[in-house]
Amino acid sequence: LADRYRNGEFSSKDSIHLIDTTKY
């Protein structure tokens, strides 16, 4: 959670990187 905050994931959608690979 702290890492995501520092990376800007809470303030910019472009900072979020999806790592999911399994489709449902």
mmCIF file of all heavy atoms, coordinates in Angstrom:
data_MODEL
# 
_entry.id   MODEL 
# 
loop_
_atom_site.group_PDB 
_atom_site.id 
_atom_site.type_symbol 
_atom_site.label_atom_id 
_atom_site.label_alt_id 
_atom_site.label_comp_id 
_atom_site.label_asym_id 
_atom_site.label_entity_id 
_atom_site.label_seq_id 
_atom_site.pdbx_PDB_ins_code 
_atom_site.Cartn_x 
_atom_site.Cartn_y 
_atom_site.Cartn_z 
_atom_site.occupancy 
_atom_site.B_iso_or_equiv 
_atom_site.pdbx_formal_charge 
_atom_site.auth_seq_id 
_atom_site.auth_comp_id 
_atom_site.auth_asym_id 
_atom_site.auth_atom_id 
_atom_site.pdbx_PDB_model_num 
ATOM 1   N N   . LEU A 1 1  ? 0.827   -1.205  0.000   1.00 0.00 ? 1  LEU A N   1 
ATOM 2   C CA  . LEU A 1 1  ? 0.000   0.000   0.000   1.00 0.00 ? 1  LEU A CA  1 
ATOM 3   C C   . LEU A 1 1  ? 0.868   1.264   0.000   1.00 0.00 ? 1  LEU A C   1 
ATOM 4   O O   . LEU A 1 1  ? 0.625   2.202   -0.768  1.00 0.00 ? 1  LEU A O   1 
ATOM 5   C CB  . LEU A 1 1  ? -0.932  -0.005  1.208   1.00 0.00 ? 1  LEU A CB  1 
ATOM 6   C CG  . LEU A 1 1  ? -2.215  0.803   1.096   1.00 0.00 ? 1  LEU A CG  1 
ATOM 7   C CD1 . LEU A 1 1  ? -3.064  0.313   -0.071  1.00 0.00 ? 1  LEU A CD1 1 
ATOM 8   C CD2 . LEU A 1 1  ? -3.013  0.735   2.392   1.00 0.00 ? 1  LEU A CD2 1 
ATOM 9   N N   . ALA A 1 2  ? 1.897   1.279   0.841   1.00 0.00 ? 2  ALA A N   1 
ATOM 10  C CA  . ALA A 1 2  ? 2.798   2.428   0.907   1.00 0.00 ? 2  ALA A CA  1 
ATOM 11  C C   . ALA A 1 2  ? 3.555   2.598   -0.406  1.00 0.00 ? 2  ALA A C   1 
ATOM 12  O O   . ALA A 1 2  ? 3.758   3.723   -0.881  1.00 0.00 ? 2  ALA A O   1 
ATOM 13  C CB  . ALA A 1 2  ? 3.773   2.276   2.068   1.00 0.00 ? 2  ALA A CB  1 
ATOM 14  N N   . ASP A 1 3  ? 3.974   1.483   -0.997  1.00 0.00 ? 3  ASP A N   1 
ATOM 15  C CA  . ASP A 1 3  ? 4.694   1.545   -2.272  1.00 0.00 ? 3  ASP A CA  1 
ATOM 16  C C   . ASP A 1 3  ? 3.800   2.098   -3.378  1.00 0.00 ? 3  ASP A C   1 
ATOM 17  O O   . ASP A 1 3  ? 4.241   2.911   -4.201  1.00 0.00 ? 3  ASP A O   1 
ATOM 18  C CB  . ASP A 1 3  ? 5.203   0.155   -2.669  1.00 0.00 ? 3  ASP A CB  1 
ATOM 19  C CG  . ASP A 1 3  ? 6.320   -0.343  -1.769  1.00 0.00 ? 3  ASP A CG  1 
ATOM 20  O OD1 . ASP A 1 3  ? 6.951   0.492   -1.090  1.00 0.00 ? 3  ASP A OD1 1 
ATOM 21  O OD2 . ASP A 1 3  ? 6.539   -1.573  -1.727  1.00 0.00 ? 3  ASP A OD2 1 
ATOM 22  N N   . ARG A 1 4  ? 2.556   1.669   -3.402  1.00 0.00 ? 4  ARG A N   1 
ATOM 23  C CA  . ARG A 1 4  ? 1.621   2.164   -4.421  1.00 0.00 ? 4  ARG A CA  1 
ATOM 24  C C   . ARG A 1 4  ? 1.375   3.662   -4.255  1.00 0.00 ? 4  ARG A C   1 
ATOM 25  O O   . ARG A 1 4  ? 1.257   4.388   -5.239  1.00 0.00 ? 4  ARG A O   1 
ATOM 26  C CB  . ARG A 1 4  ? 0.306   1.385   -4.333  1.00 0.00 ? 4  ARG A CB  1 
ATOM 27  C CG  . ARG A 1 4  ? 0.424   -0.049  -4.816  1.00 0.00 ? 4  ARG A CG  1 
ATOM 28  C CD  . ARG A 1 4  ? -0.835  -0.840  -4.549  1.00 0.00 ? 4  ARG A CD  1 
ATOM 29  N NE  . ARG A 1 4  ? -1.983  -0.185  -5.157  1.00 0.00 ? 4  ARG A NE  1 
ATOM 30  C CZ  . ARG A 1 4  ? -3.225  -0.332  -4.716  1.00 0.00 ? 4  ARG A CZ  1 
ATOM 31  N NH1 . ARG A 1 4  ? -3.489  -1.083  -3.670  1.00 0.00 ? 4  ARG A NH1 1 
ATOM 32  N NH2 . ARG A 1 4  ? -4.212  0.282   -5.331  1.00 0.00 ? 4  ARG A NH2 1 
ATOM 33  N N   . TYR A 1 5  ? 1.323   4.122   -3.015  1.00 0.00 ? 5  TYR A N   1 
ATOM 34  C CA  . TYR A 1 5  ? 1.153   5.560   -2.761  1.00 0.00 ? 5  TYR A CA  1 
ATOM 35  C C   . TYR A 1 5  ? 2.356   6.335   -3.301  1.00 0.00 ? 5  TYR A C   1 
ATOM 36  O O   . TYR A 1 5  ? 2.202   7.341   -3.995  1.00 0.00 ? 5  TYR A O   1 
ATOM 37  C CB  . TYR A 1 5  ? 0.977   5.819   -1.268  1.00 0.00 ? 5  TYR A CB  1 
ATOM 38  C CG  . TYR A 1 5  ? 0.857   7.279   -0.924  1.00 0.00 ? 5  TYR A CG  1 
ATOM 39  C CD1 . TYR A 1 5  ? -0.352  7.958   -1.068  1.00 0.00 ? 5  TYR A CD1 1 
ATOM 40  C CD2 . TYR A 1 5  ? 1.967   7.997   -0.471  1.00 0.00 ? 5  TYR A CD2 1 
ATOM 41  C CE1 . TYR A 1 5  ? -0.456  9.301   -0.774  1.00 0.00 ? 5  TYR A CE1 1 
ATOM 42  C CE2 . TYR A 1 5  ? 1.867   9.338   -0.171  1.00 0.00 ? 5  TYR A CE2 1 
ATOM 43  C CZ  . TYR A 1 5  ? 0.656   9.990   -0.323  1.00 0.00 ? 5  TYR A CZ  1 
ATOM 44  O OH  . TYR A 1 5  ? 0.571   11.333  -0.027  1.00 0.00 ? 5  TYR A OH  1 
ATOM 45  N N   . ARG A 1 6  ? 3.560   5.851   -2.983  1.00 0.00 ? 6  ARG A N   1 
ATOM 46  C CA  . ARG A 1 6  ? 4.781   6.529   -3.438  1.00 0.00 ? 6  ARG A CA  1 
ATOM 47  C C   . ARG A 1 6  ? 4.896   6.516   -4.965  1.00 0.00 ? 6  ARG A C   1 
ATOM 48  O O   . ARG A 1 6  ? 5.430   7.443   -5.570  1.00 0.00 ? 6  ARG A O   1 
ATOM 49  C CB  . ARG A 1 6  ? 6.016   5.861   -2.818  1.00 0.00 ? 6  ARG A CB  1 
ATOM 50  C CG  . ARG A 1 6  ? 6.289   6.277   -1.387  1.00 0.00 ? 6  ARG A CG  1 
ATOM 51  C CD  . ARG A 1 6  ? 7.667   5.831   -0.934  1.00 0.00 ? 6  ARG A CD  1 
ATOM 52  N NE  . ARG A 1 6  ? 7.779   4.378   -0.907  1.00 0.00 ? 6  ARG A NE  1 
ATOM 53  C CZ  . ARG A 1 6  ? 7.465   3.629   0.151   1.00 0.00 ? 6  ARG A CZ  1 
ATOM 54  N NH1 . ARG A 1 6  ? 7.024   4.192   1.248   1.00 0.00 ? 6  ARG A NH1 1 
ATOM 55  N NH2 . ARG A 1 6  ? 7.596   2.321   0.102   1.00 0.00 ? 6  ARG A NH2 1 
ATOM 56  N N   . ASN A 1 7  ? 4.378   5.471   -5.603  1.00 0.00 ? 7  ASN A N   1 
ATOM 57  C CA  . ASN A 1 7  ? 4.445   5.365   -7.062  1.00 0.00 ? 7  ASN A CA  1 
ATOM 58  C C   . ASN A 1 7  ? 3.381   6.187   -7.778  1.00 0.00 ? 7  ASN A C   1 
ATOM 59  O O   . ASN A 1 7  ? 3.350   6.221   -9.008  1.00 0.00 ? 7  ASN A O   1 
ATOM 60  C CB  . ASN A 1 7  ? 4.316   3.898   -7.493  1.00 0.00 ? 7  ASN A CB  1 
ATOM 61  C CG  . ASN A 1 7  ? 5.514   3.065   -7.066  1.00 0.00 ? 7  ASN A CG  1 
ATOM 62  O OD1 . ASN A 1 7  ? 6.591   3.592   -6.844  1.00 0.00 ? 7  ASN A OD1 1 
ATOM 63  N ND2 . ASN A 1 7  ? 5.309   1.762   -6.932  1.00 0.00 ? 7  ASN A ND2 1 
ATOM 64  N N   . GLY A 1 8  ? 2.500   6.817   -7.000  1.00 0.00 ? 8  GLY A N   1 
ATOM 65  C CA  . GLY A 1 8  ? 1.482   7.682   -7.597  1.00 0.00 ? 8  GLY A CA  1 
ATOM 66  C C   . GLY A 1 8  ? 0.234   6.968   -8.073  1.00 0.00 ? 8  GLY A C   1 
ATOM 67  O O   . GLY A 1 8  ? -0.581  7.553   -8.790  1.00 0.00 ? 8  GLY A O   1 
ATOM 68  N N   . GLU A 1 9  ? 0.037   5.713   -7.655  1.00 0.00 ? 9  GLU A N   1 
ATOM 69  C CA  . GLU A 1 9  ? -1.113  4.948   -8.132  1.00 0.00 ? 9  GLU A CA  1 
ATOM 70  C C   . GLU A 1 9  ? -2.442  5.466   -7.591  1.00 0.00 ? 9  GLU A C   1 
ATOM 71  O O   . GLU A 1 9  ? -3.488  5.181   -8.160  1.00 0.00 ? 9  GLU A O   1 
ATOM 72  C CB  . GLU A 1 9  ? -0.960  3.468   -7.764  1.00 0.00 ? 9  GLU A CB  1 
ATOM 73  C CG  . GLU A 1 9  ? 0.154   2.775   -8.525  1.00 0.00 ? 9  GLU A CG  1 
ATOM 74  C CD  . GLU A 1 9  ? 0.194   1.280   -8.245  1.00 0.00 ? 9  GLU A CD  1 
ATOM 75  O OE1 . GLU A 1 9  ? -0.881  0.676   -8.068  1.00 0.00 ? 9  GLU A OE1 1 
ATOM 76  O OE2 . GLU A 1 9  ? 1.300   0.727   -8.200  1.00 0.00 ? 9  GLU A OE2 1 
ATOM 77  N N   . PHE A 1 10 ? -2.401  6.225   -6.489  1.00 0.00 ? 10 PHE A N   1 
ATOM 78  C CA  . PHE A 1 10 ? -3.639  6.746   -5.918  1.00 0.00 ? 10 PHE A CA  1 
ATOM 79  C C   . PHE A 1 10 ? -4.051  8.070   -6.549  1.00 0.00 ? 10 PHE A C   1 
ATOM 80  O O   . PHE A 1 10 ? -5.195  8.500   -6.401  1.00 0.00 ? 10 PHE A O   1 
ATOM 81  C CB  . PHE A 1 10 ? -3.510  6.927   -4.405  1.00 0.00 ? 10 PHE A CB  1 
ATOM 82  C CG  . PHE A 1 10 ? -3.284  5.648   -3.663  1.00 0.00 ? 10 PHE A CG  1 
ATOM 83  C CD1 . PHE A 1 10 ? -2.611  5.647   -2.452  1.00 0.00 ? 10 PHE A CD1 1 
ATOM 84  C CD2 . PHE A 1 10 ? -3.714  4.435   -4.173  1.00 0.00 ? 10 PHE A CD2 1 
ATOM 85  C CE1 . PHE A 1 10 ? -2.393  4.469   -1.757  1.00 0.00 ? 10 PHE A CE1 1 
ATOM 86  C CE2 . PHE A 1 10 ? -3.504  3.250   -3.495  1.00 0.00 ? 10 PHE A CE2 1 
ATOM 87  C CZ  . PHE A 1 10 ? -2.836  3.263   -2.278  1.00 0.00 ? 10 PHE A CZ  1 
ATOM 88  N N   . SER A 1 11 ? -3.126  8.710   -7.245  1.00 0.00 ? 11 SER A N   1 
ATOM 89  C CA  . SER A 1 11 ? -3.440  10.021  -7.818  1.00 0.00 ? 11 SER A CA  1 
ATOM 90  C C   . SER A 1 11 ? -3.461  10.020  -9.343  1.00 0.00 ? 11 SER A C   1 
ATOM 91  O O   . SER A 1 11 ? -3.991  10.945  -9.955  1.00 0.00 ? 11 SER A O   1 
ATOM 92  C CB  . SER A 1 11 ? -2.427  11.070  -7.325  1.00 0.00 ? 11 SER A CB  1 
ATOM 93  O OG  . SER A 1 11 ? -1.104  10.655  -7.594  1.00 0.00 ? 11 SER A OG  1 
ATOM 94  N N   . SER A 1 12 ? -2.896  8.989   -9.979  1.00 0.00 ? 12 SER A N   1 
ATOM 95  C CA  . SER A 1 12 ? -2.863  8.931   -11.437 1.00 0.00 ? 12 SER A CA  1 
ATOM 96  C C   . SER A 1 12 ? -3.105  7.505   -11.924 1.00 0.00 ? 12 SER A C   1 
ATOM 97  O O   . SER A 1 12 ? -2.352  6.587   -11.573 1.00 0.00 ? 12 SER A O   1 
ATOM 98  C CB  . SER A 1 12 ? -1.514  9.430   -11.964 1.00 0.00 ? 12 SER A CB  1 
ATOM 99  O OG  . SER A 1 12 ? -1.412  9.217   -13.355 1.00 0.00 ? 12 SER A OG  1 
ATOM 100 N N   . LYS A 1 13 ? -4.135  7.333   -12.737 1.00 0.00 ? 13 LYS A N   1 
ATOM 101 C CA  . LYS A 1 13 ? -4.455  6.003   -13.260 1.00 0.00 ? 13 LYS A CA  1 
ATOM 102 C C   . LYS A 1 13 ? -3.328  5.458   -14.127 1.00 0.00 ? 13 LYS A C   1 
ATOM 103 O O   . LYS A 1 13 ? -3.091  4.244   -14.179 1.00 0.00 ? 13 LYS A O   1 
ATOM 104 C CB  . LYS A 1 13 ? -5.755  6.076   -14.062 1.00 0.00 ? 13 LYS A CB  1 
ATOM 105 C CG  . LYS A 1 13 ? -6.259  4.739   -14.548 1.00 0.00 ? 13 LYS A CG  1 
ATOM 106 C CD  . LYS A 1 13 ? -7.590  4.880   -15.265 1.00 0.00 ? 13 LYS A CD  1 
ATOM 107 C CE  . LYS A 1 13 ? -8.108  3.529   -15.716 1.00 0.00 ? 13 LYS A CE  1 
ATOM 108 N NZ  . LYS A 1 13 ? -9.415  3.623   -16.395 1.00 0.00 ? 13 LYS A NZ  1 
ATOM 109 N N   . ASP A 1 14 ? -2.607  6.346   -14.794 1.00 0.00 ? 14 ASP A N   1 
ATOM 110 C CA  . ASP A 1 14 ? -1.524  5.921   -15.680 1.00 0.00 ? 14 ASP A CA  1 
ATOM 111 C C   . ASP A 1 14 ? -0.358  5.300   -14.917 1.00 0.00 ? 14 ASP A C   1 
ATOM 112 O O   . ASP A 1 14 ? 0.505   4.650   -15.526 1.00 0.00 ? 14 ASP A O   1 
ATOM 113 C CB  . ASP A 1 14 ? -1.010  7.112   -16.499 1.00 0.00 ? 14 ASP A CB  1 
ATOM 114 C CG  . ASP A 1 14 ? -2.052  7.631   -17.478 1.00 0.00 ? 14 ASP A CG  1 
ATOM 115 O OD1 . ASP A 1 14 ? -2.955  6.839   -17.845 1.00 0.00 ? 14 ASP A OD1 1 
ATOM 116 O OD2 . ASP A 1 14 ? -1.982  8.808   -17.858 1.00 0.00 ? 14 ASP A OD2 1 
ATOM 117 N N   . SER A 1 15 ? -0.306  5.512   -13.613 1.00 0.00 ? 15 SER A N   1 
ATOM 118 C CA  . SER A 1 15 ? 0.775   4.952   -12.805 1.00 0.00 ? 15 SER A CA  1 
ATOM 119 C C   . SER A 1 15 ? 0.514   3.515   -12.378 1.00 0.00 ? 15 SER A C   1 
ATOM 120 O O   . SER A 1 15 ? 1.379   2.860   -11.813 1.00 0.00 ? 15 SER A O   1 
ATOM 121 C CB  . SER A 1 15 ? 0.991   5.812   -11.554 1.00 0.00 ? 15 SER A CB  1 
ATOM 122 O OG  . SER A 1 15 ? 1.363   7.122   -11.913 1.00 0.00 ? 15 SER A OG  1 
ATOM 123 N N   . ILE A 1 16 ? -0.688  3.023   -12.652 1.00 0.00 ? 16 ILE A N   1 
ATOM 124 C CA  . ILE A 1 16 ? -1.068  1.676   -12.234 1.00 0.00 ? 16 ILE A CA  1 
ATOM 125 C C   . ILE A 1 16 ? -0.682  0.678   -13.320 1.00 0.00 ? 16 ILE A C   1 
ATOM 126 O O   . ILE A 1 16 ? -1.011  0.863   -14.487 1.00 0.00 ? 16 ILE A O   1 
ATOM 127 C CB  . ILE A 1 16 ? -2.588  1.592   -11.968 1.00 0.00 ? 16 ILE A CB  1 
ATOM 128 C CG1 . ILE A 1 16 ? -2.989  2.613   -10.895 1.00 0.00 ? 16 ILE A CG1 1 
ATOM 129 C CG2 . ILE A 1 16 ? -2.980  0.183   -11.551 1.00 0.00 ? 16 ILE A CG2 1 
ATOM 130 C CD1 . ILE A 1 16 ? -4.480  2.750   -10.719 1.00 0.00 ? 16 ILE A CD1 1 
ATOM 131 N N   . HIS A 1 17 ? 0.027   -0.359  -12.917 1.00 0.00 ? 17 HIS A N   1 
ATOM 132 C CA  . HIS A 1 17 ? 0.462   -1.383  -13.861 1.00 0.00 ? 17 HIS A CA  1 
ATOM 133 C C   . HIS A 1 17 ? -0.181  -2.723  -13.479 1.00 0.00 ? 17 HIS A C   1 
ATOM 134 O O   . HIS A 1 17 ? 0.114   -3.277  -12.417 1.00 0.00 ? 17 HIS A O   1 
ATOM 135 C CB  . HIS A 1 17 ? 1.984   -1.511  -13.860 1.00 0.00 ? 17 HIS A CB  1 
ATOM 136 C CG  . HIS A 1 17 ? 2.676   -0.225  -14.201 1.00 0.00 ? 17 HIS A CG  1 
ATOM 137 N ND1 . HIS A 1 17 ? 2.631   0.332   -15.453 1.00 0.00 ? 17 HIS A ND1 1 
ATOM 138 C CD2 . HIS A 1 17 ? 3.389   0.629   -13.429 1.00 0.00 ? 17 HIS A CD2 1 
ATOM 139 C CE1 . HIS A 1 17 ? 3.306   1.467   -15.454 1.00 0.00 ? 17 HIS A CE1 1 
ATOM 140 N NE2 . HIS A 1 17 ? 3.771   1.673   -14.231 1.00 0.00 ? 17 HIS A NE2 1 
ATOM 141 N N   . LEU A 1 18 ? -1.032  -3.233  -14.350 1.00 0.00 ? 18 LEU A N   1 
ATOM 142 C CA  . LEU A 1 18 ? -1.682  -4.511  -14.095 1.00 0.00 ? 18 LEU A CA  1 
ATOM 143 C C   . LEU A 1 18 ? -0.705  -5.656  -14.294 1.00 0.00 ? 18 LEU A C   1 
ATOM 144 O O   . LEU A 1 18 ? -0.001  -5.706  -15.293 1.00 0.00 ? 18 LEU A O   1 
ATOM 145 C CB  . LEU A 1 18 ? -2.877  -4.689  -15.035 1.00 0.00 ? 18 LEU A CB  1 
ATOM 146 C CG  . LEU A 1 18 ? -4.088  -3.789  -14.771 1.00 0.00 ? 18 LEU A CG  1 
ATOM 147 C CD1 . LEU A 1 18 ? -5.134  -4.031  -15.848 1.00 0.00 ? 18 LEU A CD1 1 
ATOM 148 C CD2 . LEU A 1 18 ? -4.665  -4.065  -13.404 1.00 0.00 ? 18 LEU A CD2 1 
ATOM 149 N N   . ILE A 1 19 ? -0.695  -6.573  -13.328 1.00 0.00 ? 19 ILE A N   1 
ATOM 150 C CA  . ILE A 1 19 ? 0.173   -7.743  -13.457 1.00 0.00 ? 19 ILE A CA  1 
ATOM 151 C C   . ILE A 1 19 ? -0.644  -9.020  -13.646 1.00 0.00 ? 19 ILE A C   1 
ATOM 152 O O   . ILE A 1 19 ? -0.099  -10.104 -13.780 1.00 0.00 ? 19 ILE A O   1 
ATOM 153 C CB  . ILE A 1 19 ? 1.080   -7.902  -12.220 1.00 0.00 ? 19 ILE A CB  1 
ATOM 154 C CG1 . ILE A 1 19 ? 0.227   -8.048  -10.941 1.00 0.00 ? 19 ILE A CG1 1 
ATOM 155 C CG2 . ILE A 1 19 ? 2.026   -6.730  -12.095 1.00 0.00 ? 19 ILE A CG2 1 
ATOM 156 C CD1 . ILE A 1 19 ? 1.037   -8.426  -9.714  1.00 0.00 ? 19 ILE A CD1 1 
ATOM 157 N N   . ASP A 1 20 ? -1.972  -8.871  -13.648 1.00 0.00 ? 20 ASP A N   1 
ATOM 158 C CA  . ASP A 1 20 ? -2.830  -10.042 -13.770 1.00 0.00 ? 20 ASP A CA  1 
ATOM 159 C C   . ASP A 1 20 ? -2.708  -10.671 -15.158 1.00 0.00 ? 20 ASP A C   1 
ATOM 160 O O   . ASP A 1 20 ? -2.627  -9.983  -16.157 1.00 0.00 ? 20 ASP A O   1 
ATOM 161 C CB  . ASP A 1 20 ? -4.294  -9.662  -13.524 1.00 0.00 ? 20 ASP A CB  1 
ATOM 162 C CG  . ASP A 1 20 ? -4.492  -9.105  -12.117 1.00 0.00 ? 20 ASP A CG  1 
ATOM 163 O OD1 . ASP A 1 20 ? -3.643  -9.391  -11.273 1.00 0.00 ? 20 ASP A OD1 1 
ATOM 164 O OD2 . ASP A 1 20 ? -5.482  -8.405  -11.903 1.00 0.00 ? 20 ASP A OD2 1 
ATOM 165 N N   . THR A 1 21 ? -2.725  -11.988 -15.189 1.00 0.00 ? 21 THR A N   1 
ATOM 166 C CA  . THR A 1 21 ? -2.632  -12.683 -16.465 1.00 0.00 ? 21 THR A CA  1 
ATOM 167 C C   . THR A 1 21 ? -3.741  -13.713 -16.668 1.00 0.00 ? 21 THR A C   1 
ATOM 168 O O   . THR A 1 21 ? -4.011  -14.107 -17.794 1.00 0.00 ? 21 THR A O   1 
ATOM 169 C CB  . THR A 1 21 ? -1.278  -13.412 -16.565 1.00 0.00 ? 21 THR A CB  1 
ATOM 170 O OG1 . THR A 1 21 ? -1.136  -14.296 -15.453 1.00 0.00 ? 21 THR A OG1 1 
ATOM 171 C CG2 . THR A 1 21 ? -0.124  -12.419 -16.580 1.00 0.00 ? 21 THR A CG2 1 
ATOM 172 N N   . THR A 1 22 ? -4.369  -14.172 -15.607 1.00 0.00 ? 22 THR A N   1 
ATOM 173 C CA  . THR A 1 22 ? -5.393  -15.201 -15.714 1.00 0.00 ? 22 THR A CA  1 
ATOM 174 C C   . THR A 1 22 ? -6.738  -14.566 -16.034 1.00 0.00 ? 22 THR A C   1 
ATOM 175 O O   . THR A 1 22 ? -7.222  -13.725 -15.289 1.00 0.00 ? 22 THR A O   1 
ATOM 176 C CB  . THR A 1 22 ? -5.509  -16.001 -14.400 1.00 0.00 ? 22 THR A CB  1 
ATOM 177 O OG1 . THR A 1 22 ? -4.227  -16.488 -14.038 1.00 0.00 ? 22 THR A OG1 1 
ATOM 178 C CG2 . THR A 1 22 ? -6.479  -17.153 -14.573 1.00 0.00 ? 22 THR A CG2 1 
ATOM 179 N N   . LYS A 1 23 ? -7.336  -14.959 -17.161 1.00 0.00 ? 23 LYS A N   1 
ATOM 180 C CA  . LYS A 1 23 ? -8.591  -14.359 -17.595 1.00 0.00 ? 23 LYS A CA  1 
ATOM 181 C C   . LYS A 1 23 ? -9.792  -15.066 -16.965 1.00 0.00 ? 23 LYS A C   1 
ATOM 182 O O   . LYS A 1 23 ? -9.810  -16.284 -16.841 1.00 0.00 ? 23 LYS A O   1 
ATOM 183 C CB  . LYS A 1 23 ? -8.716  -14.429 -19.121 1.00 0.00 ? 23 LYS A CB  1 
ATOM 184 C CG  . LYS A 1 23 ? -7.740  -13.555 -19.865 1.00 0.00 ? 23 LYS A CG  1 
ATOM 185 C CD  . LYS A 1 23 ? -7.979  -13.625 -21.368 1.00 0.00 ? 23 LYS A CD  1 
ATOM 186 C CE  . LYS A 1 23 ? -7.020  -12.724 -22.122 1.00 0.00 ? 23 LYS A CE  1 
ATOM 187 N NZ  . LYS A 1 23 ? -7.269  -12.757 -23.585 1.00 0.00 ? 23 LYS A NZ  1 
ATOM 188 N N   . TYR A 1 24 ? -10.772 -14.246 -16.568 1.00 0.00 ? 24 TYR A N   1 
ATOM 189 C CA  . TYR A 1 24 ? -12.052 -14.753 -16.080 1.00 0.00 ? 24 TYR A CA  1 
ATOM 190 C C   . TYR A 1 24 ? -13.159 -13.922 -16.722 1.00 0.00 ? 24 TYR A C   1 
ATOM 191 O O   . TYR A 1 24 ? -12.928 -12.797 -17.148 1.00 0.00 ? 24 TYR A O   1 
ATOM 192 C CB  . TYR A 1 24 ? -12.166 -14.617 -14.553 1.00 0.00 ? 24 TYR A CB  1 
ATOM 193 C CG  . TYR A 1 24 ? -11.300 -15.558 -13.779 1.00 0.00 ? 24 TYR A CG  1 
ATOM 194 C CD1 . TYR A 1 24 ? -10.001 -15.191 -13.404 1.00 0.00 ? 24 TYR A CD1 1 
ATOM 195 C CD2 . TYR A 1 24 ? -11.761 -16.814 -13.401 1.00 0.00 ? 24 TYR A CD2 1 
ATOM 196 C CE1 . TYR A 1 24 ? -9.194  -16.050 -12.684 1.00 0.00 ? 24 TYR A CE1 1 
ATOM 197 C CE2 . TYR A 1 24 ? -10.954 -17.685 -12.679 1.00 0.00 ? 24 TYR A CE2 1 
ATOM 198 C CZ  . TYR A 1 24 ? -9.676  -17.295 -12.329 1.00 0.00 ? 24 TYR A CZ  1 
ATOM 199 O OH  . TYR A 1 24 ? -8.875  -18.161 -11.620 1.00 0.00 ? 24 TYR A OH  1 
# 
